[in-house]
Amino acid sequence: MKSFEKIGIGVDIEEVLKFRKFKTGWRDSFLNKVFTSAELKYCFSKVNPAQHLAVRWAAKEAVIKALAETGMPDFKMMNVEIGKKGKVPIAKLIERKTKNTEIRLSMSHDDKQAIAFAIVVCYRQERKVF
């Protein structure tokens, strides 16, 4: 059984209305600074992309807050990619190595608000005995 060293939690809530102005992600410089191409492709494949953009923004913020609580500050929005594995939301860290770290994510949205909750667990590095 792994033993943990640090746990961080993060939560964020966003208004979907803020994201309704974005009609396409491919030409908007703001969206391209905070979302990966995979995230934009997913969001703009949906009937209401604003809900999906808002919940991904909230998820990125929640993950960044949780990482900071574990002593890993300075993560930027583009360092975190939000996706799915089946129906389960996942957060993938890009261009940053984080050994022995696990991220759990929960997201939800409706037509007005989006919320995300993240838990980051940092496990102790197991020492090899010779």
C-alpha atoms as a PDB file:
ATOM      1  CA  MET A   1       0.000   0.000   0.000  1.00  0.00           C
ATOM      2  CA  LYS A   2       1.268   3.440  -0.909  1.00  0.00           C
ATOM      3  CA  SER A   3       1.488   6.034   1.806  1.00  0.00           C
ATOM      4  CA  PHE A   4       0.837   9.642   0.959  1.00  0.00           C
ATOM      5  CA  GLU A   5       3.009  12.578   1.829  1.00  0.00           C
ATOM      6  CA  LYS A   6       0.800  15.511   0.831  1.00  0.00           C
ATOM      7  CA  ILE A   7      -2.780  16.105  -0.238  1.00  0.00           C
ATOM      8  CA  GLY A   8      -4.090  19.223  -1.966  1.00  0.00           C
ATOM      9  CA  ILE A   9      -7.658  20.166  -2.775  1.00  0.00           C
ATOM     10  CA  GLY A  10      -8.998  22.778  -5.140  1.00  0.00           C
ATOM     11  CA  VAL A  11     -12.402  23.954  -6.275  1.00  0.00           C
ATOM     12  CA  ASP A  12     -13.589  26.545  -8.768  1.00  0.00           C
ATOM     13  CA  ILE A  13     -16.942  27.730 -10.067  1.00  0.00           C
ATOM     14  CA  GLU A  14     -17.440  29.739 -13.248  1.00  0.00           C
ATOM     15  CA  GLU A  15     -20.325  31.476 -14.990  1.00  0.00           C
ATOM     16  CA  VAL A  16     -21.066  29.921 -18.380  1.00  0.00           C
ATOM     17  CA  LEU A  17     -22.163  33.337 -19.652  1.00  0.00           C
ATOM     18  CA  LYS A  18     -18.508  34.494 -19.719  1.00  0.00           C
ATOM     19  CA  PHE A  19     -17.749  31.874 -22.373  1.00  0.00           C
ATOM     20  CA  ARG A  20     -20.765  32.426 -24.655  1.00  0.00           C
ATOM     21  CA  LYS A  21     -18.964  35.128 -26.629  1.00  0.00           C
ATOM     22  CA  PHE A  22     -16.550  32.574 -28.068  1.00  0.00           C
ATOM     23  CA  LYS A  23     -17.974  31.179 -31.287  1.00  0.00           C
ATOM     24  CA  THR A  24     -14.881  29.352 -32.478  1.00  0.00           C
ATOM     25  CA  GLY A  25     -11.692  28.522 -30.623  1.00  0.00           C
ATOM     26  CA  TRP A  26      -9.377  28.212 -33.557  1.00  0.00           C
ATOM     27  CA  ARG A  27      -9.100  31.946 -34.223  1.00  0.00           C
ATOM     28  CA  ASP A  28      -9.367  33.364 -30.732  1.00  0.00           C
ATOM     29  CA  SER A  29      -5.956  34.174 -29.244  1.00  0.00           C
ATOM     30  CA  PHE A  30      -7.275  34.143 -25.657  1.00  0.00           C
ATOM     31  CA  LEU A  31      -8.676  30.623 -25.955  1.00  0.00           C
ATOM     32  CA  ASN A  32      -5.479  29.405 -27.591  1.00  0.00           C
ATOM     33  CA  LYS A  33      -3.486  30.695 -24.613  1.00  0.00           C
ATOM     34  CA  VAL A  34      -5.458  28.746 -22.009  1.00  0.00           C
ATOM     35  CA  PHE A  35      -6.869  25.664 -23.776  1.00  0.00           C
ATOM     36  CA  THR A  36      -5.063  22.946 -25.702  1.00  0.00           C
ATOM     37  CA  SER A  37      -6.111  22.085 -29.247  1.00  0.00           C
ATOM     38  CA  ALA A  38      -7.643  18.822 -27.962  1.00  0.00           C
ATOM     39  CA  GLU A  39      -9.753  20.731 -25.426  1.00  0.00           C
ATOM     40  CA  LEU A  40     -10.936  23.236 -28.045  1.00  0.00           C
ATOM     41  CA  LYS A  41     -11.762  20.473 -30.510  1.00  0.00           C
ATOM     42  CA  TYR A  42     -13.870  18.719 -27.868  1.00  0.00           C
ATOM     43  CA  CYS A  43     -15.674  21.860 -26.673  1.00  0.00           C
ATOM     44  CA  PHE A  44     -16.521  23.163 -30.147  1.00  0.00           C
ATOM     45  CA  SER A  45     -17.819  19.755 -31.197  1.00  0.00           C
ATOM     46  CA  LYS A  46     -20.672  20.271 -28.705  1.00  0.00           C
ATOM     47  CA  VAL A  47     -23.969  22.083 -29.312  1.00  0.00           C
ATOM     48  CA  ASN A  48     -23.224  24.495 -26.447  1.00  0.00           C
ATOM     49  CA  PRO A  49     -19.438  24.965 -26.314  1.00  0.00           C
ATOM     50  CA  ALA A  50     -19.683  27.611 -23.558  1.00  0.00           C
ATOM     51  CA  GLN A  51     -20.668  25.055 -20.910  1.00  0.00           C
ATOM     52  CA  HIS A  52     -17.732  22.828 -21.831  1.00  0.00           C
ATOM     53  CA  LEU A  53     -15.251  25.699 -21.955  1.00  0.00           C
ATOM     54  CA  ALA A  54     -16.442  26.944 -18.560  1.00  0.00           C
ATOM     55  CA  VAL A  55     -16.189  23.566 -16.869  1.00  0.00           C
ATOM     56  CA  ARG A  56     -12.704  22.976 -18.291  1.00  0.00           C
ATOM     57  CA  TRP A  57     -11.618  26.417 -17.085  1.00  0.00           C
ATOM     58  CA  ALA A  58     -12.990  25.572 -13.616  1.00  0.00           C
ATOM     59  CA  ALA A  59     -11.227  22.199 -13.683  1.00  0.00           C
ATOM     60  CA  LYS A  60      -7.886  23.751 -14.641  1.00  0.00           C
ATOM     61  CA  GLU A  61      -8.241  26.304 -11.827  1.00  0.00           C
ATOM     62  CA  ALA A  62      -9.159  23.576  -9.316  1.00  0.00           C
ATOM     63  CA  VAL A  63      -6.169  21.438 -10.335  1.00  0.00           C
ATOM     64  CA  ILE A  64      -3.775  24.404 -10.158  1.00  0.00           C
ATOM     65  CA  LYS A  65      -5.050  25.285  -6.663  1.00  0.00           C
ATOM     66  CA  ALA A  66      -4.682  21.680  -5.487  1.00  0.00           C
ATOM     67  CA  LEU A  67      -1.164  21.414  -6.918  1.00  0.00           C
ATOM     68  CA  ALA A  68      -0.168  24.644  -5.155  1.00  0.00           C
ATOM     69  CA  GLU A  69      -1.378  23.203  -1.829  1.00  0.00           C
ATOM     70  CA  THR A  70       1.025  20.286  -2.241  1.00  0.00           C
ATOM     71  CA  GLY A  71       3.961  22.609  -2.797  1.00  0.00           C
ATOM     72  CA  MET A  72       3.900  22.617  -6.609  1.00  0.00           C
ATOM     73  CA  PRO A  73       3.184  26.254  -7.496  1.00  0.00           C
ATOM     74  CA  ASP A  74       3.556  28.035 -10.817  1.00  0.00           C
ATOM     75  CA  PHE A  75       1.389  25.775 -12.941  1.00  0.00           C
ATOM     76  CA  LYS A  76      -0.206  27.665 -15.808  1.00  0.00           C
ATOM     77  CA  MET A  77      -3.491  26.899 -17.566  1.00  0.00           C
ATOM     78  CA  MET A  78      -1.666  25.395 -20.559  1.00  0.00           C
ATOM     79  CA  ASN A  79       0.229  23.016 -18.225  1.00  0.00           C
ATOM     80  CA  VAL A  80      -3.075  21.266 -17.466  1.00  0.00           C
ATOM     81  CA  GLU A  81      -5.175  19.465 -20.071  1.00  0.00           C
ATOM     82  CA  ILE A  82      -8.664  18.313 -19.170  1.00  0.00           C
ATOM     83  CA  GLY A  83      -9.975  15.247 -20.952  1.00  0.00           C
ATOM     84  CA  LYS A  84     -11.948  12.083 -20.387  1.00  0.00           C
ATOM     85  CA  LYS A  85     -11.163   8.428 -19.966  1.00  0.00           C
ATOM     86  CA  GLY A  86     -14.484   6.847 -20.830  1.00  0.00           C
ATOM     87  CA  LYS A  87     -16.920   8.946 -18.813  1.00  0.00           C
ATOM     88  CA  VAL A  88     -14.412   9.860 -16.117  1.00  0.00           C
ATOM     89  CA  PRO A  89     -12.815  13.329 -16.285  1.00  0.00           C
ATOM     90  CA  ILE A  90      -9.028  13.350 -16.127  1.00  0.00           C
ATOM     91  CA  ALA A  91      -6.355  16.013 -15.786  1.00  0.00           C
ATOM     92  CA  LYS A  92      -3.095  15.529 -17.642  1.00  0.00           C
ATOM     93  CA  LEU A  93      -0.060  17.630 -16.774  1.00  0.00           C
ATOM     94  CA  ILE A  94       1.832  18.890 -19.818  1.00  0.00           C
ATOM     95  CA  GLU A  95       5.539  19.709 -19.926  1.00  0.00           C
ATOM     96  CA  ARG A  96       5.895  19.272 -16.174  1.00  0.00           C
ATOM     97  CA  LYS A  97       7.092  16.080 -14.538  1.00  0.00           C
ATOM     98  CA  THR A  98       5.361  15.157 -11.308  1.00  0.00           C
ATOM     99  CA  LYS A  99       6.459  11.783 -10.018  1.00  0.00           C
ATOM    100  CA  ASN A 100       4.275   9.868  -7.593  1.00  0.00           C
ATOM    101  CA  THR A 101       1.380  12.285  -8.060  1.00  0.00           C
ATOM    102  CA  GLU A 102      -2.246  11.358  -8.658  1.00  0.00           C
ATOM    103  CA  ILE A 103      -5.020  13.782  -9.635  1.00  0.00           C
ATOM    104  CA  ARG A 104      -8.713  13.088  -9.089  1.00  0.00           C
ATOM    105  CA  LEU A 105     -11.244  15.362 -10.719  1.00  0.00           C
ATOM    106  CA  SER A 106     -14.986  15.926 -10.591  1.00  0.00           C
ATOM    107  CA  MET A 107     -16.781  18.366 -12.905  1.00  0.00           C
ATOM    108  CA  SER A 108     -20.373  19.433 -13.439  1.00  0.00           C
ATOM    109  CA  HIS A 109     -22.201  22.127 -15.385  1.00  0.00           C
ATOM    110  CA  ASP A 110     -25.600  23.396 -16.427  1.00  0.00           C
ATOM    111  CA  ASP A 111     -26.558  26.290 -18.686  1.00  0.00           C
ATOM    112  CA  LYS A 112     -25.573  28.914 -16.064  1.00  0.00           C
ATOM    113  CA  GLN A 113     -22.663  27.596 -13.995  1.00  0.00           C
ATOM    114  CA  ALA A 114     -19.785  25.148 -14.119  1.00  0.00           C
ATOM    115  CA  ILE A 115     -17.957  23.694 -11.127  1.00  0.00           C
ATOM    116  CA  ALA A 116     -14.932  21.478 -10.672  1.00  0.00           C
ATOM    117  CA  PHE A 117     -13.289  19.875  -7.678  1.00  0.00           C
ATOM    118  CA  ALA A 118      -9.762  18.418  -7.711  1.00  0.00           C
ATOM    119  CA  ILE A 119      -7.762  16.345  -5.267  1.00  0.00           C
ATOM    120  CA  VAL A 120      -4.021  15.895  -5.729  1.00  0.00           C
ATOM    121  CA  VAL A 121      -2.239  13.169  -3.778  1.00  0.00           C
ATOM    122  CA  CYS A 122       1.549  13.058  -3.630  1.00  0.00           C
ATOM    123  CA  TYR A 123       2.839   9.664  -2.547  1.00  0.00           C
ATOM    124  CA  ARG A 124       6.049   9.065  -0.656  1.00  0.00           C
ATOM    125  CA  GLN A 125       8.784   7.822  -2.860  1.00  0.00           C
ATOM    126  CA  GLU A 126       9.433   4.208  -1.995  1.00  0.00           C
ATOM    127  CA  ARG A 127      12.979   3.498  -0.968  1.00  0.00           C
ATOM    128  CA  LYS A 128      14.647   0.383  -2.263  1.00  0.00           C
ATOM    129  CA  VAL A 129      16.286  -1.836   0.318  1.00  0.00           C
ATOM    130  CA  PHE A 130      19.318  -3.803  -0.811  1.00  0.00           C
END
